[in-house]
C-alpha atoms as a PDB file:
ATOM      1  CA  MET A   1      89.411  34.085 -16.012  1.00  0.00           C
ATOM      2  CA  SER A   2      86.000  35.040 -14.638  1.00  0.00           C
ATOM      3  CA  LEU A   3      83.008  35.461 -16.929  1.00  0.00           C
ATOM      4  CA  LEU A   4      82.453  39.031 -15.669  1.00  0.00           C
ATOM      5  CA  GLU A   5      84.933  41.263 -13.869  1.00  0.00           C
ATOM      6  CA  VAL A   6      83.900  44.726 -12.679  1.00  0.00           C
ATOM      7  CA  GLU A   7      86.738  46.839 -11.304  1.00  0.00           C
ATOM      8  CA  ASP A   8      86.474  50.266  -9.632  1.00  0.00           C
ATOM      9  CA  LEU A   9      83.378  51.124 -11.687  1.00  0.00           C
ATOM     10  CA  GLU A  10      82.119  54.704 -11.473  1.00  0.00           C
ATOM     11  CA  VAL A  11      78.821  55.707 -13.062  1.00  0.00           C
ATOM     12  CA  TYR A  12      77.506  59.266 -12.886  1.00  0.00           C
ATOM     13  CA  TYR A  13      74.247  60.991 -13.796  1.00  0.00           C
ATOM     14  CA  GLU A  14      74.164  64.609 -14.876  1.00  0.00           C
ATOM     15  CA  THR A  15      71.621  66.546 -12.814  1.00  0.00           C
ATOM     16  CA  GLU A  16      70.684  70.206 -12.437  1.00  0.00           C
ATOM     17  CA  ASP A  17      72.701  70.268  -9.214  1.00  0.00           C
ATOM     18  CA  GLY A  18      75.770  68.583 -10.707  1.00  0.00           C
ATOM     19  CA  PRO A  19      77.000  65.011 -11.325  1.00  0.00           C
ATOM     20  CA  ALA A  20      75.473  62.372  -9.031  1.00  0.00           C
ATOM     21  CA  GLN A  21      77.735  59.426  -8.157  1.00  0.00           C
ATOM     22  CA  ALA A  22      75.261  56.581  -8.677  1.00  0.00           C
ATOM     23  CA  VAL A  23      77.943  53.859  -8.659  1.00  0.00           C
ATOM     24  CA  ASP A  24      81.213  54.673  -6.929  1.00  0.00           C
ATOM     25  CA  GLY A  25      84.221  52.350  -7.013  1.00  0.00           C
ATOM     26  CA  VAL A  26      82.302  49.060  -7.229  1.00  0.00           C
ATOM     27  CA  SER A  27      84.335  45.892  -7.848  1.00  0.00           C
ATOM     28  CA  PHE A  28      83.296  42.229  -8.058  1.00  0.00           C
ATOM     29  CA  GLU A  29      83.700  39.073 -10.146  1.00  0.00           C
ATOM     30  CA  LEU A  30      81.178  36.565 -11.474  1.00  0.00           C
ATOM     31  CA  GLU A  31      82.191  33.048 -12.467  1.00  0.00           C
ATOM     32  CA  GLU A  32      80.620  30.875 -15.153  1.00  0.00           C
ATOM     33  CA  GLY A  33      77.496  29.153 -13.848  1.00  0.00           C
ATOM     34  CA  GLU A  34      77.389  31.371 -10.751  1.00  0.00           C
ATOM     35  CA  ASN A  35      74.538  33.562  -9.534  1.00  0.00           C
ATOM     36  CA  LEU A  36      75.250  36.842  -7.739  1.00  0.00           C
ATOM     37  CA  GLY A  37      72.522  38.774  -5.956  1.00  0.00           C
ATOM     38  CA  ILE A  38      72.738  42.547  -5.578  1.00  0.00           C
ATOM     39  CA  VAL A  39      70.602  43.970  -2.783  1.00  0.00           C
ATOM     40  CA  GLY A  40      70.099  47.341  -1.152  1.00  0.00           C
ATOM     41  CA  GLU A  41      67.606  50.161  -0.752  1.00  0.00           C
ATOM     42  CA  SER A  42      66.040  51.956  -3.699  1.00  0.00           C
ATOM     43  CA  GLY A  43      68.534  54.377  -5.219  1.00  0.00           C
ATOM     44  CA  CYS A  44      71.629  52.481  -4.052  1.00  0.00           C
ATOM     45  CA  GLY A  45      72.848  51.934  -7.637  1.00  0.00           C
ATOM     46  CA  LYS A  46      71.705  48.333  -8.310  1.00  0.00           C
ATOM     47  CA  THR A  47      69.865  48.966 -11.583  1.00  0.00           C
ATOM     48  CA  THR A  48      72.439  51.515 -12.757  1.00  0.00           C
ATOM     49  CA  LEU A  49      75.117  48.868 -12.318  1.00  0.00           C
ATOM     50  CA  ALA A  50      73.179  46.403 -14.507  1.00  0.00           C
ATOM     51  CA  LYS A  51      72.440  48.996 -17.172  1.00  0.00           C
ATOM     52  CA  SER A  52      76.092  49.985 -17.364  1.00  0.00           C
ATOM     53  CA  ILE A  53      77.039  46.343 -17.970  1.00  0.00           C
ATOM     54  CA  ILE A  54      74.639  45.868 -20.869  1.00  0.00           C
ATOM     55  CA  GLY A  55      75.166  49.429 -22.155  1.00  0.00           C
ATOM     56  CA  ILE A  56      71.694  50.937 -21.845  1.00  0.00           C
ATOM     57  CA  LEU A  57      72.298  53.849 -19.496  1.00  0.00           C
ATOM     58  CA  PRO A  58      69.974  56.808 -20.134  1.00  0.00           C
ATOM     59  CA  ASP A  59      71.332  59.890 -21.897  1.00  0.00           C
ATOM     60  CA  ALA A  60      72.177  61.587 -18.596  1.00  0.00           C
ATOM     61  CA  GLY A  61      74.209  58.610 -17.389  1.00  0.00           C
ATOM     62  CA  TYR A  62      77.814  57.792 -18.220  1.00  0.00           C
ATOM     63  CA  VAL A  63      80.675  55.574 -17.072  1.00  0.00           C
ATOM     64  CA  ASN A  64      83.230  57.896 -15.489  1.00  0.00           C
ATOM     65  CA  GLY A  65      85.898  55.307 -14.738  1.00  0.00           C
ATOM     66  CA  GLY A  66      86.721  51.678 -14.126  1.00  0.00           C
ATOM     67  CA  GLU A  67      86.433  48.544 -16.233  1.00  0.00           C
ATOM     68  CA  ILE A  68      83.706  46.023 -17.105  1.00  0.00           C
ATOM     69  CA  ARG A  69      85.386  42.928 -18.553  1.00  0.00           C
ATOM     70  CA  PHE A  70      83.182  40.256 -20.116  1.00  0.00           C
ATOM     71  CA  LYS A  71      85.055  37.127 -21.181  1.00  0.00           C
ATOM     72  CA  GLY A  72      88.236  39.202 -21.007  1.00  0.00           C
ATOM     73  CA  ASP A  73      87.029  42.083 -23.192  1.00  0.00           C
ATOM     74  CA  ASP A  74      86.473  45.521 -21.651  1.00  0.00           C
ATOM     75  CA  LEU A  75      82.905  46.540 -22.486  1.00  0.00           C
ATOM     76  CA  THR A  76      83.613  50.187 -21.705  1.00  0.00           C
ATOM     77  CA  ASP A  77      86.018  50.329 -24.679  1.00  0.00           C
ATOM     78  CA  MET A  78      83.490  48.888 -27.138  1.00  0.00           C
ATOM     79  CA  THR A  79      81.505  50.892 -29.664  1.00  0.00           C
ATOM     80  CA  GLY A  80      77.722  50.895 -29.606  1.00  0.00           C
ATOM     81  CA  ALA A  81      77.621  48.459 -32.521  1.00  0.00           C
ATOM     82  CA  GLN A  82      79.971  46.054 -30.751  1.00  0.00           C
ATOM     83  CA  ARG A  83      77.856  46.208 -27.603  1.00  0.00           C
ATOM     84  CA  ARG A  84      74.658  45.530 -29.587  1.00  0.00           C
ATOM     85  CA  ARG A  85      76.138  42.348 -31.038  1.00  0.00           C
ATOM     86  CA  LEU A  86      76.557  40.991 -27.516  1.00  0.00           C
ATOM     87  CA  LYS A  87      72.982  41.726 -26.418  1.00  0.00           C
ATOM     88  CA  TRP A  88      70.566  38.792 -26.224  1.00  0.00           C
ATOM     89  CA  GLU A  89      73.129  36.390 -27.716  1.00  0.00           C
ATOM     90  CA  GLU A  90      75.710  36.760 -24.916  1.00  0.00           C
ATOM     91  CA  ILE A  91      74.142  39.140 -22.383  1.00  0.00           C
ATOM     92  CA  SER A  92      70.404  39.549 -21.904  1.00  0.00           C
ATOM     93  CA  MET A  93      68.343  41.522 -19.426  1.00  0.00           C
ATOM     94  CA  VAL A  94      64.998  40.989 -17.734  1.00  0.00           C
ATOM     95  CA  ALA A  95      63.974  44.595 -17.147  1.00  0.00           C
ATOM     96  CA  GLN A  96      62.202  45.767 -14.018  1.00  0.00           C
ATOM     97  CA  SER A  97      59.197  47.197 -15.884  1.00  0.00           C
ATOM     98  CA  ALA A  98      57.771  44.765 -18.446  1.00  0.00           C
ATOM     99  CA  MET A  99      55.063  47.312 -19.292  1.00  0.00           C
ATOM    100  CA  ASN A 100      57.697  49.663 -20.730  1.00  0.00           C
ATOM    101  CA  SER A 101      59.896  46.946 -22.240  1.00  0.00           C
ATOM    102  CA  LEU A 102      57.424  45.442 -24.727  1.00  0.00           C
ATOM    103  CA  ASP A 103      56.362  47.302 -27.885  1.00  0.00           C
ATOM    104  CA  PRO A 104      52.569  47.743 -27.726  1.00  0.00           C
ATOM    105  CA  VAL A 105      52.044  47.578 -31.516  1.00  0.00           C
ATOM    106  CA  TYR A 106      53.732  44.195 -32.080  1.00  0.00           C
ATOM    107  CA  THR A 107      52.615  40.779 -30.886  1.00  0.00           C
ATOM    108  CA  ILE A 108      54.704  39.011 -28.279  1.00  0.00           C
ATOM    109  CA  ARG A 109      55.750  36.412 -30.853  1.00  0.00           C
ATOM    110  CA  GLU A 110      56.915  39.060 -33.322  1.00  0.00           C
ATOM    111  CA  GLN A 111      59.084  40.707 -30.698  1.00  0.00           C
ATOM    112  CA  ILE A 112      60.767  37.490 -29.575  1.00  0.00           C
ATOM    113  CA  VAL A 113      61.249  36.296 -33.169  1.00  0.00           C
ATOM    114  CA  GLU A 114      62.773  39.669 -34.104  1.00  0.00           C
ATOM    115  CA  ALA A 115      65.285  39.381 -31.240  1.00  0.00           C
ATOM    116  CA  ILE A 116      66.188  35.833 -32.294  1.00  0.00           C
ATOM    117  CA  GLU A 117      66.608  36.585 -36.004  1.00  0.00           C
ATOM    118  CA  THR A 118      68.435  39.888 -35.429  1.00  0.00           C
ATOM    119  CA  HIS A 119      71.025  38.456 -33.072  1.00  0.00           C
ATOM    120  CA  ARG A 120      71.300  34.987 -34.588  1.00  0.00           C
ATOM    121  CA  PRO A 121      71.326  35.513 -38.378  1.00  0.00           C
ATOM    122  CA  GLY A 122      70.337  32.490 -40.428  1.00  0.00           C
ATOM    123  CA  THR A 123      67.710  31.294 -37.985  1.00  0.00           C
ATOM    124  CA  GLY A 124      64.621  30.355 -40.016  1.00  0.00           C
ATOM    125  CA  ARG A 125      61.082  31.340 -39.127  1.00  0.00           C
ATOM    126  CA  THR A 126      60.189  27.726 -38.309  1.00  0.00           C
ATOM    127  CA  GLU A 127      63.055  27.406 -35.834  1.00  0.00           C
ATOM    128  CA  SER A 128      62.282  30.822 -34.301  1.00  0.00           C
ATOM    129  CA  THR A 129      58.645  29.827 -33.824  1.00  0.00           C
ATOM    130  CA  GLU A 130      59.705  26.593 -32.152  1.00  0.00           C
ATOM    131  CA  ILE A 131      61.935  28.562 -29.763  1.00  0.00           C
ATOM    132  CA  VAL A 132      59.018  30.860 -28.865  1.00  0.00           C
ATOM    133  CA  THR A 133      56.811  27.839 -28.135  1.00  0.00           C
ATOM    134  CA  GLU A 134      59.507  26.242 -25.997  1.00  0.00           C
ATOM    135  CA  MET A 135      60.130  29.451 -24.040  1.00  0.00           C
ATOM    136  CA  PHE A 136      56.422  30.068 -23.444  1.00  0.00           C
ATOM    137  CA  GLU A 137      56.023  26.575 -22.059  1.00  0.00           C
ATOM    138  CA  LEU A 138      59.098  27.097 -19.921  1.00  0.00           C
ATOM    139  CA  VAL A 139      57.695  30.190 -18.208  1.00  0.00           C
ATOM    140  CA  GLY A 140      54.185  28.783 -17.850  1.00  0.00           C
ATOM    141  CA  LEU A 141      52.449  30.640 -20.682  1.00  0.00           C
ATOM    142  CA  ASP A 142      50.105  29.069 -23.241  1.00  0.00           C
ATOM    143  CA  PRO A 143      52.004  29.082 -26.595  1.00  0.00           C
ATOM    144  CA  ASP A 144      48.696  29.903 -28.323  1.00  0.00           C
ATOM    145  CA  ARG A 145      48.821  33.304 -26.598  1.00  0.00           C
ATOM    146  CA  ALA A 146      52.103  34.217 -28.309  1.00  0.00           C
ATOM    147  CA  ASP A 147      50.190  36.061 -31.055  1.00  0.00           C
ATOM    148  CA  ASP A 148      48.509  38.348 -28.516  1.00  0.00           C
ATOM    149  CA  TYR A 149      49.583  41.942 -27.951  1.00  0.00           C
ATOM    150  CA  PRO A 150      51.138  43.140 -24.673  1.00  0.00           C
ATOM    151  CA  HIS A 151      47.928  44.897 -23.572  1.00  0.00           C
ATOM    152  CA  GLN A 152      46.151  41.521 -23.690  1.00  0.00           C
ATOM    153  CA  PHE A 153      48.529  40.147 -21.054  1.00  0.00           C
ATOM    154  CA  SER A 154      48.349  40.793 -17.323  1.00  0.00           C
ATOM    155  CA  GLY A 155      51.349  42.349 -15.608  1.00  0.00           C
ATOM    156  CA  GLY A 156      52.588  38.959 -14.457  1.00  0.00           C
ATOM    157  CA  MET A 157      52.178  37.482 -17.940  1.00  0.00           C
ATOM    158  CA  ARG A 158      54.157  40.366 -19.468  1.00  0.00           C
ATOM    159  CA  GLN A 159      56.911  39.763 -16.956  1.00  0.00           C
ATOM    160  CA  ARG A 160      57.017  36.081 -17.897  1.00  0.00           C
ATOM    161  CA  ALA A 161      57.085  37.017 -21.604  1.00  0.00           C
ATOM    162  CA  MET A 162      60.134  39.222 -20.938  1.00  0.00           C
ATOM    163  CA  ILE A 163      61.833  36.336 -19.138  1.00  0.00           C
ATOM    164  CA  ALA A 164      61.062  34.095 -22.142  1.00  0.00           C
ATOM    165  CA  MET A 165      62.639  36.665 -24.483  1.00  0.00           C
ATOM    166  CA  ALA A 166      65.729  37.014 -22.276  1.00  0.00           C
ATOM    167  CA  LEU A 167      66.279  33.245 -22.206  1.00  0.00           C
ATOM    168  CA  ALA A 168      65.488  32.577 -25.885  1.00  0.00           C
ATOM    169  CA  LEU A 169      69.097  32.643 -27.129  1.00  0.00           C
ATOM    170  CA  GLU A 170      70.550  30.917 -24.073  1.00  0.00           C
ATOM    171  CA  PRO A 171      72.900  33.803 -23.147  1.00  0.00           C
ATOM    172  CA  SER A 172      76.038  33.391 -21.055  1.00  0.00           C
ATOM    173  CA  LEU A 173      74.950  36.178 -18.679  1.00  0.00           C
ATOM    174  CA  ILE A 174      71.432  37.109 -17.583  1.00  0.00           C
ATOM    175  CA  LEU A 175      70.868  40.443 -15.852  1.00  0.00           C
ATOM    176  CA  ALA A 176      67.632  40.007 -13.909  1.00  0.00           C
ATOM    177  CA  ASP A 177      66.318  43.301 -12.487  1.00  0.00           C
ATOM    178  CA  GLU A 178      63.484  42.434 -10.092  1.00  0.00           C
ATOM    179  CA  PRO A 179      62.613  39.415 -12.303  1.00  0.00           C
ATOM    180  CA  THR A 180      59.612  38.295 -10.256  1.00  0.00           C
ATOM    181  CA  THR A 181      58.279  41.631  -9.017  1.00  0.00           C
ATOM    182  CA  ALA A 182      54.860  41.302 -10.732  1.00  0.00           C
ATOM    183  CA  LEU A 183      54.328  37.628  -9.875  1.00  0.00           C
ATOM    184  CA  ASP A 184      52.515  35.975  -6.990  1.00  0.00           C
ATOM    185  CA  VAL A 185      54.602  33.812  -4.675  1.00  0.00           C
ATOM    186  CA  ILE A 186      53.553  30.534  -6.321  1.00  0.00           C
ATOM    187  CA  MET A 187      54.394  31.705  -9.849  1.00  0.00           C
ATOM    188  CA  GLN A 188      57.561  33.356  -8.508  1.00  0.00           C
ATOM    189  CA  ASP A 189      58.749  30.024  -7.170  1.00  0.00           C
ATOM    190  CA  GLN A 190      57.945  28.254 -10.448  1.00  0.00           C
ATOM    191  CA  ILE A 191      59.713  30.873 -12.580  1.00  0.00           C
ATOM    192  CA  LEU A 192      62.830  30.863 -10.404  1.00  0.00           C
ATOM    193  CA  LYS A 193      63.035  27.083 -10.613  1.00  0.00           C
ATOM    194  CA  ARG A 194      62.591  27.184 -14.397  1.00  0.00           C
ATOM    195  CA  MET A 195      65.253  29.843 -14.804  1.00  0.00           C
ATOM    196  CA  GLY A 196      67.546  27.722 -12.672  1.00  0.00           C
ATOM    197  CA  LYS A 197      66.861  24.689 -14.862  1.00  0.00           C
ATOM    198  CA  ILE A 198      67.866  26.585 -18.007  1.00  0.00           C
ATOM    199  CA  GLN A 199      70.997  27.853 -16.303  1.00  0.00           C
ATOM    200  CA  ASP A 200      71.987  24.307 -15.434  1.00  0.00           C
ATOM    201  CA  GLU A 201      71.493  23.240 -19.057  1.00  0.00           C
ATOM    202  CA  VAL A 202      73.547  26.037 -20.660  1.00  0.00           C
ATOM    203  CA  ASN A 203      75.848  26.890 -17.702  1.00  0.00           C
ATOM    204  CA  SER A 204      74.834  30.545 -17.810  1.00  0.00           C
ATOM    205  CA  SER A 205      75.430  33.031 -14.998  1.00  0.00           C
ATOM    206  CA  MET A 206      72.922  35.450 -13.518  1.00  0.00           C
ATOM    207  CA  LEU A 207      73.101  38.816 -11.806  1.00  0.00           C
ATOM    208  CA  VAL A 208      69.928  39.132  -9.708  1.00  0.00           C
ATOM    209  CA  ILE A 209      69.024  42.692  -8.726  1.00  0.00           C
ATOM    210  CA  THR A 210      66.275  42.852  -6.134  1.00  0.00           C
ATOM    211  CA  HIS A 211      65.062  44.268  -2.850  1.00  0.00           C
ATOM    212  CA  ASP A 212      63.624  40.846  -1.950  1.00  0.00           C
ATOM    213  CA  VAL A 213      66.271  38.971   0.003  1.00  0.00           C
ATOM    214  CA  SER A 214      64.215  35.761  -0.178  1.00  0.00           C
ATOM    215  CA  VAL A 215      64.709  35.678  -3.969  1.00  0.00           C
ATOM    216  CA  VAL A 216      68.454  36.038  -3.496  1.00  0.00           C
ATOM    217  CA  ALA A 217      68.522  33.384  -0.775  1.00  0.00           C
ATOM    218  CA  GLU A 218      66.736  30.936  -3.093  1.00  0.00           C
ATOM    219  CA  THR A 219      68.620  31.582  -6.330  1.00  0.00           C
ATOM    220  CA  CYS A 220      72.085  32.981  -5.619  1.00  0.00           C
ATOM    221  CA  ASP A 221      75.487  31.700  -4.556  1.00  0.00           C
ATOM    222  CA  ARG A 222      76.876  35.047  -3.400  1.00  0.00           C
ATOM    223  CA  VAL A 223      75.477  38.439  -2.405  1.00  0.00           C
ATOM    224  CA  LEU A 224      76.710  41.992  -2.980  1.00  0.00           C
ATOM    225  CA  VAL A 225      75.151  44.521  -0.596  1.00  0.00           C
ATOM    226  CA  MET A 226      75.171  48.096  -1.910  1.00  0.00           C
ATOM    227  CA  TYR A 227      74.550  51.338  -0.063  1.00  0.00           C
ATOM    228  CA  ALA A 228      74.572  54.827  -1.612  1.00  0.00           C
ATOM    229  CA  GLY A 229      76.505  53.698  -4.691  1.00  0.00           C
ATOM    230  CA  LYS A 230      79.174  51.721  -2.828  1.00  0.00           C
ATOM    231  CA  VAL A 231      79.726  48.121  -1.807  1.00  0.00           C
ATOM    232  CA  ALA A 232      78.963  47.638   1.882  1.00  0.00           C
ATOM    233  CA  GLU A 233      79.542  43.903   2.042  1.00  0.00           C
ATOM    234  CA  GLU A 234      80.036  40.908  -0.249  1.00  0.00           C
ATOM    235  CA  GLY A 235      80.195  37.173   0.366  1.00  0.00           C
ATOM    236  CA  PRO A 236      78.447  33.781   0.205  1.00  0.00           C
ATOM    237  CA  VAL A 237      74.678  33.748   0.714  1.00  0.00           C
ATOM    238  CA  GLU A 238      74.940  31.647   3.874  1.00  0.00           C
ATOM    239  CA  GLU A 239      77.353  34.094   5.502  1.00  0.00           C
ATOM    240  CA  ILE A 240      75.644  37.313   4.413  1.00  0.00           C
ATOM    241  CA  PHE A 241      72.229  36.226   5.649  1.00  0.00           C
ATOM    242  CA  GLY A 242      73.552  34.208   8.562  1.00  0.00           C
ATOM    243  CA  GLN A 243      76.354  36.226  10.137  1.00  0.00           C
ATOM    244  CA  PRO A 244      76.967  39.573   8.360  1.00  0.00           C
ATOM    245  CA  TYR A 245      79.669  41.955   9.559  1.00  0.00           C
ATOM    246  CA  HIS A 246      78.479  45.312   8.258  1.00  0.00           C
ATOM    247  CA  PRO A 247      75.940  47.298  10.328  1.00  0.00           C
ATOM    248  CA  TYR A 248      73.904  48.104   7.212  1.00  0.00           C
ATOM    249  CA  THR A 249      73.561  44.429   6.267  1.00  0.00           C
ATOM    250  CA  ILE A 250      72.557  43.596   9.826  1.00  0.00           C
ATOM    251  CA  GLY A 251      69.909  46.331   9.797  1.00  0.00           C
ATOM    252  CA  LEU A 252      68.680  45.301   6.346  1.00  0.00           C
ATOM    253  CA  LYS A 253      68.364  41.708   7.479  1.00  0.00           C
ATOM    254  CA  ARG A 254      66.292  42.754  10.516  1.00  0.00           C
ATOM    255  CA  ALA A 255      63.909  44.661   8.212  1.00  0.00           C
ATOM    256  CA  PHE A 256      62.646  41.431   6.614  1.00  0.00           C
ATOM    257  CA  PRO A 257      60.376  38.784   8.176  1.00  0.00           C
ATOM    258  CA  ASN A 258      62.045  35.743   9.712  1.00  0.00           C
ATOM    259  CA  ILE A 259      59.974  32.571   9.270  1.00  0.00           C
ATOM    260  CA  ARG A 260      61.808  31.030  12.212  1.00  0.00           C
ATOM    261  CA  LYS A 261      60.721  33.939  14.422  1.00  0.00           C
ATOM    262  CA  PRO A 262      57.131  34.731  13.349  1.00  0.00           C
ATOM    263  CA  THR A 263      56.491  36.989  16.349  1.00  0.00           C
ATOM    264  CA  GLN A 264      59.629  39.089  15.817  1.00  0.00           C
ATOM    265  CA  ASP A 265      58.843  42.713  14.971  1.00  0.00           C
ATOM    266  CA  LEU A 266      60.260  44.147  11.778  1.00  0.00           C
ATOM    267  CA  LEU A 267      62.781  46.921  12.299  1.00  0.00           C
ATOM    268  CA  SER A 268      63.533  49.990  10.211  1.00  0.00           C
ATOM    269  CA  ILE A 269      66.751  51.968  10.026  1.00  0.00           C
ATOM    270  CA  ALA A 270      66.202  55.601  10.975  1.00  0.00           C
ATOM    271  CA  GLY A 271      67.119  58.304   8.474  1.00  0.00           C
ATOM    272  CA  TYR A 272      67.692  58.271   4.729  1.00  0.00           C
ATOM    273  CA  PRO A 273      70.580  57.535   2.354  1.00  0.00           C
ATOM    274  CA  PRO A 274      72.775  60.572   1.577  1.00  0.00           C
ATOM    275  CA  GLU A 275      72.513  62.751  -1.502  1.00  0.00           C
ATOM    276  CA  LEU A 276      74.919  61.508  -4.159  1.00  0.00           C
ATOM    277  CA  VAL A 277      75.551  64.865  -5.834  1.00  0.00           C
ATOM    278  CA  ASP A 278      77.636  65.862  -2.832  1.00  0.00           C
ATOM    279  CA  PRO A 279      78.154  62.628  -0.869  1.00  0.00           C
ATOM    280  CA  PRO A 280      79.646  62.764   2.624  1.00  0.00           C
ATOM    281  CA  THR A 281      83.244  61.854   3.299  1.00  0.00           C
ATOM    282  CA  GLY A 282      84.022  58.694   5.180  1.00  0.00           C
ATOM    283  CA  CYS A 283      81.527  55.853   5.407  1.00  0.00           C
ATOM    284  CA  ARG A 284      78.266  56.728   3.659  1.00  0.00           C
ATOM    285  CA  PHE A 285      76.245  54.791   6.214  1.00  0.00           C
ATOM    286  CA  ALA A 286      77.738  56.702   9.150  1.00  0.00           C
ATOM    287  CA  GLU A 287      74.803  59.042   9.768  1.00  0.00           C
ATOM    288  CA  ARG A 288      72.410  56.082  10.193  1.00  0.00           C
ATOM    289  CA  CYS A 289      74.764  53.605  11.851  1.00  0.00           C
ATOM    290  CA  PRO A 290      74.375  52.731  15.561  1.00  0.00           C
ATOM    291  CA  MET A 291      78.133  52.110  15.824  1.00  0.00           C
ATOM    292  CA  ALA A 292      79.347  55.232  14.022  1.00  0.00           C
ATOM    293  CA  THR A 293      82.203  57.302  15.422  1.00  0.00           C
ATOM    294  CA  ASP A 294      83.902  60.459  14.186  1.00  0.00           C
ATOM    295  CA  ARG A 295      86.378  58.228  12.386  1.00  0.00           C
ATOM    296  CA  CYS A 296      83.516  56.792  10.326  1.00  0.00           C
ATOM    297  CA  ARG A 297      82.534  60.256   9.162  1.00  0.00           C
ATOM    298  CA  GLU A 298      86.099  61.236   8.296  1.00  0.00           C
ATOM    299  CA  GLU A 299      87.739  58.106   6.831  1.00  0.00           C
ATOM    300  CA  GLU A 300      86.424  55.852   4.101  1.00  0.00           C
ATOM    301  CA  PRO A 301      86.609  52.260   5.373  1.00  0.00           C
ATOM    302  CA  GLU A 302      88.738  49.647   3.644  1.00  0.00           C
ATOM    303  CA  ALA A 303      87.691  46.032   3.121  1.00  0.00           C
ATOM    304  CA  HIS A 304      87.962  43.675   6.079  1.00  0.00           C
ATOM    305  CA  GLN A 305      87.982  39.926   5.424  1.00  0.00           C
ATOM    306  CA  MET A 306      85.670  38.353   7.998  1.00  0.00           C
ATOM    307  CA  ASN A 307      84.763  34.643   7.799  1.00  0.00           C
ATOM    308  CA  GLY A 308      84.667  34.637   4.009  1.00  0.00           C
ATOM    309  CA  LEU A 309      83.025  38.070   3.767  1.00  0.00           C
ATOM    310  CA  ARG A 310      84.398  41.308   2.377  1.00  0.00           C
ATOM    311  CA  SER A 311      83.028  43.951   4.739  1.00  0.00           C
ATOM    312  CA  TYR A 312      83.644  47.699   4.387  1.00  0.00           C
ATOM    313  CA  CYS A 313      83.364  48.736   8.023  1.00  0.00           C
ATOM    314  CA  HIS A 314      86.046  50.196  10.314  1.00  0.00           C
ATOM    315  CA  TYR A 315      84.678  48.147  13.193  1.00  0.00           C
ATOM    316  CA  ALA A 316      83.871  44.844  11.489  1.00  0.00           C
ATOM    317  CA  GLU A 317      86.009  43.017  14.044  1.00  0.00           C
ATOM    318  CA  ASP A 318      83.911  44.488  16.883  1.00  0.00           C
ATOM    319  CA  ILE A 319      80.489  43.619  15.424  1.00  0.00           C
ATOM    320  CA  ASP A 320      80.082  40.411  17.447  1.00  0.00           C
ATOM    321  CA  THR A 321      80.511  42.196  20.762  1.00  0.00           C
ATOM    322  CA  GLU A 322      79.317  45.735  20.020  1.00  0.00           C
ATOM    323  CA  LEU A 323      76.291  45.432  17.702  1.00  0.00           C
ATOM    324  CA  ARG A 324      75.086  41.873  17.242  1.00  0.00           C
ATOM    325  CA  PRO A 325      73.819  41.452  20.848  1.00  0.00           C
ATOM    326  CA  TYR A 326      71.630  44.550  20.447  1.00  0.00           C
ATOM    327  CA  ALA A 327      70.598  44.269  16.788  1.00  0.00           C
ATOM    328  CA  ASP A 328      67.133  42.862  17.572  1.00  0.00           C
ATOM    329  CA  ASN A 329      66.302  45.822  19.812  1.00  0.00           C
ATOM    330  CA  PRO A 330      64.233  48.455  17.914  1.00  0.00           C
ATOM    331  CA  GLU A 331      65.890  51.226  19.947  1.00  0.00           C
ATOM    332  CA  THR A 332      69.240  50.290  18.391  1.00  0.00           C
ATOM    333  CA  TRP A 333      67.985  51.548  15.020  1.00  0.00           C
ATOM    334  CA  SER A 334      65.505  54.204  16.146  1.00  0.00           C
ATOM    335  CA  GLN A 335      67.814  57.234  15.896  1.00  0.00           C
ATOM    336  CA  THR A 336      70.236  58.523  13.331  1.00  0.00           C
ATOM    337  CA  ALA A 337      73.824  59.166  14.389  1.00  0.00           C
ATOM    338  CA  ALA A 338      73.178  62.903  14.178  1.00  0.00           C
ATOM    339  CA  ALA A 339      70.230  62.638  16.578  1.00  0.00           C
ATOM    340  CA  ARG A 340      72.234  60.530  19.029  1.00  0.00           C
ATOM    341  CA  LYS A 341      75.060  63.053  18.985  1.00  0.00           C
ATOM    342  CA  ALA A 342      72.640  65.911  19.603  1.00  0.00           C
ATOM    343  CA  GLU A 343      71.253  64.109  22.654  1.00  0.00           C
ATOM    344  CA  THR A 344      74.463  62.735  24.178  1.00  0.00           C
ATOM    345  CA  GLY A 345      77.280  64.698  22.600  1.00  0.00           C
ATOM    346  CA  ASN A 346      78.709  61.407  21.295  1.00  0.00           C
ATOM    347  CA  VAL A 347      78.456  59.305  18.206  1.00  0.00           C
ATOM    348  CA  GLY A 348      78.930  55.575  18.718  1.00  0.00           C
ATOM    349  CA  GLY A 349      81.903  54.916  20.983  1.00  0.00           C
ATOM    350  CA  ASP A 350      83.474  58.410  20.823  1.00  0.00           C
END
């Protein structure tokens, strides 16, 4: 049994224009001691997925279908009180915005101690204080600063304090939403190594949500690529970043610097993700995809198993001959499918 099993998860947000399908039919598994990175453009559903797991969706958000099984128990069937008992002790989260996650009227120590004593009854003040000291040292903060207030910390220090709080009770699952976004590259490297050290000690698993593929490459075993609320591709880090088989993953990869090719220009994918209140039929990447055909706009693609990857593309088997040879050419990504059809009367190979 996997530590976490997400099956056909649907999460919606109520909007003035109707329900928006923020997460649509997402499925994956996470084993004990494994790290899974979730990448994709802003608005693809990464953070919504994490919030649905820990049960902190905003009032407008709700799980419309599917299952989230943690250690065999379906979290979607649990009451609020049952969910709260799992937080921090079993599942913790490093939120994207540390500024909004820390209470400004309490010291950092008070907030971490409160989390410890609330979720681990019987823990004495002496033991809680020792845990705070240990966690501060772990994330590179001076333990003497634990009695400061959040406004006395820089953005990077607040982020490290949130990481310390998330790790304090040695949870089985850590949901890390842009965990190093406010840190410089040196501190980022140190924090990631320290988080990895703790994981090794307690055999915890981590879901890393980020737009920074370098963080995923350094910390994760597998990658889930999301686009417009759906899974585009999933597989081992080496395969996803080495030889992906979904056009979106290939384009996303070309949008980041390659240290082995310092003179290579960065590419951008023309167009924008679709509106999720009334999403298009077929493949949601079709209007931006250089390989798209009418079939892509009409039929939703099923998963293709390609060299250890799970790729949701009708033409995954043709990627090596049809797209990969031209993926480094900026012109390949310079037009949306709609613009190409307007010019040539064709989309992709039609």
